[in-house]
């Protein structure tokens, strides 16, 4: 449990599928099944999309749009969302992403800026000392673009309680094509990737410490992405680019991170959502994925989970 205590769950209380999974692991003598790190993940870019003009359905997502959007906009959004889902699934962490209980697909709202801010303010819970305590559930984490919950700086957010990603059109780099919204070429998708990572790991947010959940989301945001493809083989180059462009590295300026012990021991209640925390979490997750045990990537994180 998050408070360090152990809980014993009888096998007969688990589903048949879970019991079979545990039996298969027992046969190998491992607590987890180690996988290999993919060089890249990619999806079929011709994603089937149904619906319109404001509600669209892909194999794993439902998109609702406040305004009409062009086919190019929704096709590109679908590639980012479906591609991120595949990237999370492919990481050798033993995570099988699935929608929140009661949902057939992951849900996303594309909104005008004013509507987004209204929905954001309405959905951010009033501070409660126990909101992130064991058993309390994770209800909200300020996005990394803010460092605070200042809505004017928020480029997108996933609300676990609503089971939705909310994204303002303004954060995507959009143009108006007649009466419809279209996506500019080379739009920055890092915010989307971060929030989608949270979305597809919904069930894990309740048990993951914030440093790990935010570190994974920041890590994936830094992996080079193009047209539904994540290039993990170029993760080092993506990390360097992120450090330079977002954290001012280079030209003799060092990158300062929190010590791993301070970060790992920081409780969710003491998480402030500062840029330093996000940066440190990203670097620590990168270390455990690529540098800690290169022959067994993600092994330490998978064992931790």
Protein backbone atom coordinates (compact mmCIF):
# COMPACT_ATOMS: atom_id res chain seq x y z
CA UNK A 1 0.00 0.00 0.00
CA UNK A 2 1.06 3.63 -0.40
CA UNK A 3 1.64 3.99 3.35
CA UNK A 4 4.17 1.14 3.30
CA UNK A 5 1.94 -1.47 4.87
CA UNK A 6 1.33 -4.83 3.22
CA UNK A 7 -2.10 -6.23 2.45
CA UNK A 8 -2.80 -9.91 1.80
CA UNK A 9 -5.40 -10.69 -0.85
CA UNK A 10 -6.55 -14.32 -1.15
CA UNK A 11 -6.21 -15.66 -4.68
CA UNK A 12 -9.84 -16.76 -4.72
CA UNK A 13 -10.87 -13.10 -4.53
CA UNK A 14 -9.15 -12.35 -7.84
CA UNK A 15 -10.70 -12.78 -11.25
CA UNK A 16 -10.03 -15.94 -13.21
CA UNK A 17 -7.93 -13.94 -15.67
CA UNK A 18 -5.76 -12.55 -12.86
CA UNK A 19 -5.32 -16.00 -11.30
CA UNK A 20 -4.15 -17.40 -14.64
CA UNK A 21 -1.68 -14.53 -14.98
CA UNK A 22 -0.22 -15.19 -11.52
CA UNK A 23 0.03 -18.90 -12.29
CA UNK A 24 1.96 -18.16 -15.47
CA UNK A 25 4.42 -15.99 -13.53
CA UNK A 26 4.88 -18.65 -10.85
CA UNK A 27 5.96 -21.06 -13.56
CA UNK A 28 8.86 -18.75 -14.44
CA UNK A 29 9.88 -17.99 -10.86
CA UNK A 30 9.51 -14.24 -11.57
CA UNK A 31 7.23 -11.71 -9.95
CA UNK A 32 6.88 -9.99 -13.32
CA UNK A 33 7.41 -10.98 -16.91
CA UNK A 34 10.32 -8.95 -18.29
CA UNK A 35 9.94 -7.60 -21.79
CA UNK A 36 12.18 -5.90 -24.30
CA UNK A 37 12.35 -2.19 -24.98
CA UNK A 38 11.01 -1.37 -28.45
CA UNK A 39 13.16 0.64 -30.84
CA UNK A 40 9.97 2.38 -31.85
CA UNK A 41 6.22 1.98 -31.73
CA UNK A 42 3.93 2.83 -34.60
CA UNK A 43 0.32 2.48 -35.60
CA UNK A 44 -1.55 2.29 -38.87
CA UNK A 45 -1.91 5.98 -39.70
CA UNK A 46 -5.16 5.35 -41.55
CA UNK A 47 -7.19 5.12 -38.36
CA UNK A 48 -10.88 4.34 -38.86
CA UNK A 49 -12.93 7.29 -37.59
CA UNK A 50 -16.69 7.31 -37.29
CA UNK A 51 -19.17 10.03 -36.44
CA UNK A 52 -19.10 13.77 -36.81
CA UNK A 53 -19.49 16.65 -37.09
CA UNK A 54 -18.61 17.16 -33.41
CA UNK A 55 -18.40 13.67 -31.94
CA UNK A 56 -15.88 11.22 -33.37
CA UNK A 57 -15.06 7.63 -32.45
CA UNK A 58 -11.79 5.76 -33.05
CA UNK A 59 -10.97 2.18 -31.97
CA UNK A 60 -10.03 3.31 -28.44
CA UNK A 61 -11.13 6.96 -28.05
CA UNK A 62 -14.18 9.22 -28.22
CA UNK A 63 -13.58 12.87 -29.14
CA UNK A 64 -16.19 15.56 -28.47
CA UNK A 65 -15.54 18.98 -29.96
CA UNK A 66 -17.18 22.24 -28.99
CA UNK A 67 -16.75 23.49 -32.56
CA UNK A 68 -16.74 21.72 -35.89
CA UNK A 69 -13.28 20.45 -36.85
CA UNK A 70 -11.74 19.48 -40.16
CA UNK A 71 -11.08 15.87 -41.09
CA UNK A 72 -7.35 16.62 -40.98
CA UNK A 73 -7.65 17.90 -37.39
CA UNK A 74 -9.44 14.84 -36.05
CA UNK A 75 -7.21 12.47 -38.04
CA UNK A 76 -4.06 14.00 -36.56
CA UNK A 77 -5.56 14.01 -33.06
CA UNK A 78 -6.48 10.35 -33.49
CA UNK A 79 -2.90 9.50 -34.45
CA UNK A 80 -1.52 11.25 -31.37
CA UNK A 81 -3.97 9.57 -29.01
CA UNK A 82 -3.85 6.08 -30.52
CA UNK A 83 -0.07 6.34 -30.93
CA UNK A 84 0.44 7.31 -27.29
CA UNK A 85 -1.77 4.44 -26.15
CA UNK A 86 0.36 2.00 -28.15
CA UNK A 87 3.58 3.52 -26.75
CA UNK A 88 2.41 3.09 -23.15
CA UNK A 89 1.29 -0.46 -23.87
CA UNK A 90 4.65 -1.35 -25.45
CA UNK A 91 6.79 -0.23 -22.50
CA UNK A 92 7.98 -3.32 -20.58
CA UNK A 93 6.26 -2.25 -17.38
CA UNK A 94 3.51 -4.85 -17.25
CA UNK A 95 0.85 -2.17 -17.75
CA UNK A 96 -2.19 -2.94 -19.91
CA UNK A 97 -3.96 0.38 -20.50
CA UNK A 98 -7.74 0.32 -20.40
CA UNK A 99 -10.54 2.88 -20.02
CA UNK A 100 -11.89 3.75 -16.60
CA UNK A 101 -14.50 1.43 -15.16
CA UNK A 102 -17.83 1.82 -16.94
CA UNK A 103 -16.26 3.33 -20.06
CA UNK A 104 -15.92 1.55 -23.40
CA UNK A 105 -13.40 4.11 -24.70
CA UNK A 106 -11.18 6.91 -23.42
CA UNK A 107 -12.92 10.31 -23.64
CA UNK A 108 -11.56 13.71 -24.69
CA UNK A 109 -13.10 17.18 -25.01
CA UNK A 110 -11.71 19.83 -27.39
CA UNK A 111 -12.89 23.24 -26.19
CA UNK A 112 -12.73 26.96 -26.79
CA UNK A 113 -10.34 28.66 -24.38
CA UNK A 114 -13.10 30.35 -22.38
CA UNK A 115 -15.06 27.10 -22.06
CA UNK A 116 -11.91 25.22 -21.09
CA UNK A 117 -11.14 27.68 -18.29
CA UNK A 118 -14.73 27.48 -17.06
CA UNK A 119 -14.64 23.67 -17.02
CA UNK A 120 -11.19 23.66 -15.45
CA UNK A 121 -12.23 25.91 -12.57
CA UNK A 122 -15.41 23.92 -12.08
CA UNK A 123 -13.56 20.59 -11.98
CA UNK A 124 -10.55 21.49 -9.81
CA UNK A 125 -11.48 20.20 -6.35
CA UNK A 126 -11.28 22.30 -3.23
CA UNK A 127 -8.08 21.44 -1.32
CA UNK A 128 -8.60 18.54 1.05
CA UNK A 129 -5.79 17.24 3.27
CA UNK A 130 -6.70 13.63 2.49
CA UNK A 131 -7.41 13.97 -1.22
CA UNK A 132 -4.17 12.23 -2.18
CA UNK A 133 -3.82 10.06 0.89
CA UNK A 134 -3.99 6.26 0.76
CA UNK A 135 -7.50 5.25 -0.14
CA UNK A 136 -8.48 8.83 -0.96
CA UNK A 137 -7.76 8.58 -4.67
CA UNK A 138 -5.95 11.00 -6.95
CA UNK A 139 -8.36 13.69 -8.07
CA UNK A 140 -6.16 16.34 -9.68
CA UNK A 141 -2.55 17.08 -10.47
CA UNK A 142 -1.56 20.52 -11.85
CA UNK A 143 -0.23 20.10 -15.40
CA UNK A 144 3.54 20.48 -15.91
CA UNK A 145 3.12 23.61 -18.03
CA UNK A 146 1.94 25.54 -15.00
CA UNK A 147 3.89 24.75 -11.87
CA UNK A 148 0.70 26.01 -10.26
CA UNK A 149 -2.99 25.59 -10.88
CA UNK A 150 -3.16 28.94 -12.73
CA UNK A 151 -5.69 28.15 -15.45
CA UNK A 152 -4.33 30.83 -17.79
CA UNK A 153 -1.18 28.74 -18.24
CA UNK A 154 -2.82 25.33 -18.56
CA UNK A 155 -2.52 23.75 -22.01
CA UNK A 156 -4.49 20.60 -21.25
CA UNK A 157 -5.47 18.43 -18.31
CA UNK A 158 -6.73 14.98 -17.43
CA UNK A 159 -9.32 14.84 -14.66
CA UNK A 160 -9.48 11.27 -13.30
CA UNK A 161 -12.78 11.99 -11.56
CA UNK A 162 -14.35 13.09 -14.87
CA UNK A 163 -12.47 10.38 -16.78
CA UNK A 164 -11.76 12.96 -19.50
CA UNK A 165 -8.90 14.86 -21.08
CA UNK A 166 -9.78 18.53 -21.61
CA UNK A 167 -7.83 20.37 -24.30
CA UNK A 168 -8.26 24.00 -25.41
CA UNK A 169 -7.91 24.57 -29.15
CA UNK A 170 -5.43 27.37 -28.44
CA UNK A 171 -2.84 24.95 -27.05
CA UNK A 172 -2.76 22.89 -30.25
CA UNK A 173 -1.79 25.59 -32.70
CA UNK A 174 -4.97 25.79 -34.76
CA UNK A 175 -6.29 27.77 -37.69
CA UNK A 176 -9.82 28.43 -38.84
CA UNK A 177 -10.69 26.74 -42.13
CA UNK A 178 -13.98 28.37 -43.01
CA UNK A 179 -16.18 27.68 -40.00
CA UNK A 180 -14.11 24.69 -38.87
CA UNK A 181 -10.98 24.31 -36.77
CA UNK A 182 -7.90 22.90 -38.50
CA UNK A 183 -4.54 21.88 -37.03
CA UNK A 184 -1.39 23.70 -38.08
CA UNK A 185 1.44 21.61 -39.37
CA UNK A 186 4.15 20.77 -36.83
CA UNK A 187 1.87 21.52 -33.90
CA UNK A 188 3.49 20.84 -30.54
CA UNK A 189 2.01 17.60 -29.21
CA UNK A 190 3.99 17.33 -25.97
CA UNK A 191 1.13 18.52 -23.75
CA UNK A 192 -1.27 16.10 -25.41
CA UNK A 193 1.13 13.18 -25.01
CA UNK A 194 1.59 14.00 -21.31
CA UNK A 195 -2.14 14.10 -20.57
CA UNK A 196 -2.95 11.08 -22.75
CA UNK A 197 -0.36 9.10 -20.79
CA UNK A 198 -2.27 9.90 -17.60
CA UNK A 199 -5.56 9.08 -19.27
CA UNK A 200 -4.61 5.62 -20.51
CA UNK A 201 -3.03 4.79 -17.13
CA UNK A 202 -6.19 5.80 -15.26
CA UNK A 203 -6.33 2.73 -12.99
CA UNK A 204 -2.67 3.13 -12.06
CA UNK A 205 -2.99 6.75 -10.93
CA UNK A 206 -4.55 5.61 -7.67
CA UNK A 207 -1.53 3.54 -6.67
CA UNK A 208 1.38 5.32 -8.35
CA UNK A 209 3.36 7.95 -6.46
CA UNK A 210 3.23 11.26 -8.28
CA UNK A 211 6.94 11.29 -9.11
CA UNK A 212 6.49 8.10 -11.13
CA UNK A 213 3.21 9.00 -12.81
CA UNK A 214 4.43 12.46 -13.77
CA UNK A 215 7.89 11.15 -14.66
CA UNK A 216 6.45 8.63 -17.11
CA UNK A 217 4.23 11.28 -18.70
CA UNK A 218 7.15 13.71 -19.05
CA UNK A 219 9.42 10.94 -20.34
CA UNK A 220 7.00 10.00 -23.13
CA UNK A 221 6.51 13.68 -23.99
CA UNK A 222 10.27 13.91 -24.62
CA UNK A 223 10.51 10.82 -26.84
CA UNK A 224 10.70 11.92 -30.51
CA UNK A 225 7.22 11.62 -32.02
CA UNK A 226 5.97 11.88 -35.58
CA UNK A 227 2.76 10.77 -37.23
CA UNK A 228 1.77 8.16 -34.64
CA UNK A 229 5.31 6.83 -34.19
CA UNK A 230 7.41 7.08 -31.01
CA UNK A 231 11.15 6.62 -31.57
CA UNK A 232 12.47 5.13 -28.33
CA UNK A 233 15.80 4.43 -30.03
CA UNK A 234 16.24 8.21 -30.17
CA UNK A 235 15.07 8.84 -26.60
CA UNK A 236 18.47 10.28 -25.61
CA UNK A 237 18.31 12.87 -28.38
CA UNK A 238 14.74 13.72 -27.40
CA UNK A 239 15.77 14.16 -23.78
CA UNK A 240 18.63 16.50 -24.72
CA UNK A 241 16.32 18.57 -26.91
CA UNK A 242 13.78 18.84 -24.09
CA UNK A 243 16.45 19.88 -21.60
CA UNK A 244 17.66 22.62 -23.94
CA UNK A 245 14.29 23.93 -25.13
CA UNK A 246 12.24 23.62 -21.94
CA UNK A 247 14.79 23.73 -19.13
CA UNK A 248 17.52 26.05 -20.41
CA UNK A 249 20.34 23.51 -20.56
CA UNK A 250 23.48 24.15 -22.59
CA UNK A 251 26.12 26.87 -22.82
CA UNK A 252 27.55 25.96 -19.44
CA UNK A 253 24.21 26.04 -17.65
CA UNK A 254 23.88 22.88 -15.53
CA UNK A 255 20.68 20.96 -14.97
CA UNK A 256 19.85 20.69 -11.29
CA UNK A 257 17.55 17.93 -10.10
CA UNK A 258 16.25 16.85 -6.73
CA UNK A 259 18.17 13.99 -5.18
CA UNK A 260 16.49 10.66 -6.00
CA UNK A 261 15.95 9.89 -2.32
CA UNK A 262 14.16 13.20 -1.73
CA UNK A 263 12.03 12.71 -4.80
CA UNK A 264 11.04 9.11 -4.11
CA UNK A 265 10.30 9.82 -0.46
CA UNK A 266 8.19 12.90 -1.25
CA UNK A 267 4.58 12.14 -0.41
CA UNK A 268 1.75 13.09 -2.73
CA UNK A 269 0.57 15.60 -0.14
CA UNK A 270 3.93 17.39 -0.38
CA UNK A 271 4.03 17.45 -4.18
CA UNK A 272 3.97 21.10 -5.27
CA UNK A 273 3.85 20.68 -9.05
CA UNK A 274 7.01 22.75 -9.57
CA UNK A 275 9.09 22.58 -12.77
CA UNK A 276 11.93 21.15 -10.67
CA UNK A 277 9.73 18.25 -9.58
CA UNK A 278 8.65 17.44 -13.14
CA UNK A 279 12.20 17.71 -14.45
CA UNK A 280 13.60 15.53 -11.68
CA UNK A 281 10.87 12.94 -12.16
CA UNK A 282 11.51 12.78 -15.90
CA UNK A 283 15.25 12.31 -15.40
CA UNK A 284 14.79 9.61 -12.77
CA UNK A 285 12.33 7.68 -14.95
CA UNK A 286 14.69 8.00 -17.93
CA UNK A 287 17.48 6.58 -15.77
CA UNK A 288 15.44 3.57 -14.69
CA UNK A 289 14.26 2.87 -18.24
CA UNK A 290 17.53 3.25 -20.16
CA UNK A 291 20.54 3.39 -17.82
CA UNK A 292 19.93 1.43 -14.62
CA UNK A 293 19.89 -2.05 -16.19
CA UNK A 294 20.37 -1.64 -19.96
CA UNK A 295 20.04 -5.39 -20.49
CA UNK A 296 16.72 -5.35 -18.60
CA UNK A 297 15.07 -2.00 -19.44
CA UNK A 298 12.29 -0.93 -17.08
CA UNK A 299 12.94 -3.94 -14.82
CA UNK A 300 13.29 -1.87 -11.64
CA UNK A 301 10.17 0.18 -12.38
CA UNK A 302 8.17 -2.90 -13.34
CA UNK A 303 9.22 -4.59 -10.11
CA UNK A 304 8.32 -1.45 -8.16
CA UNK A 305 4.86 -1.42 -9.70
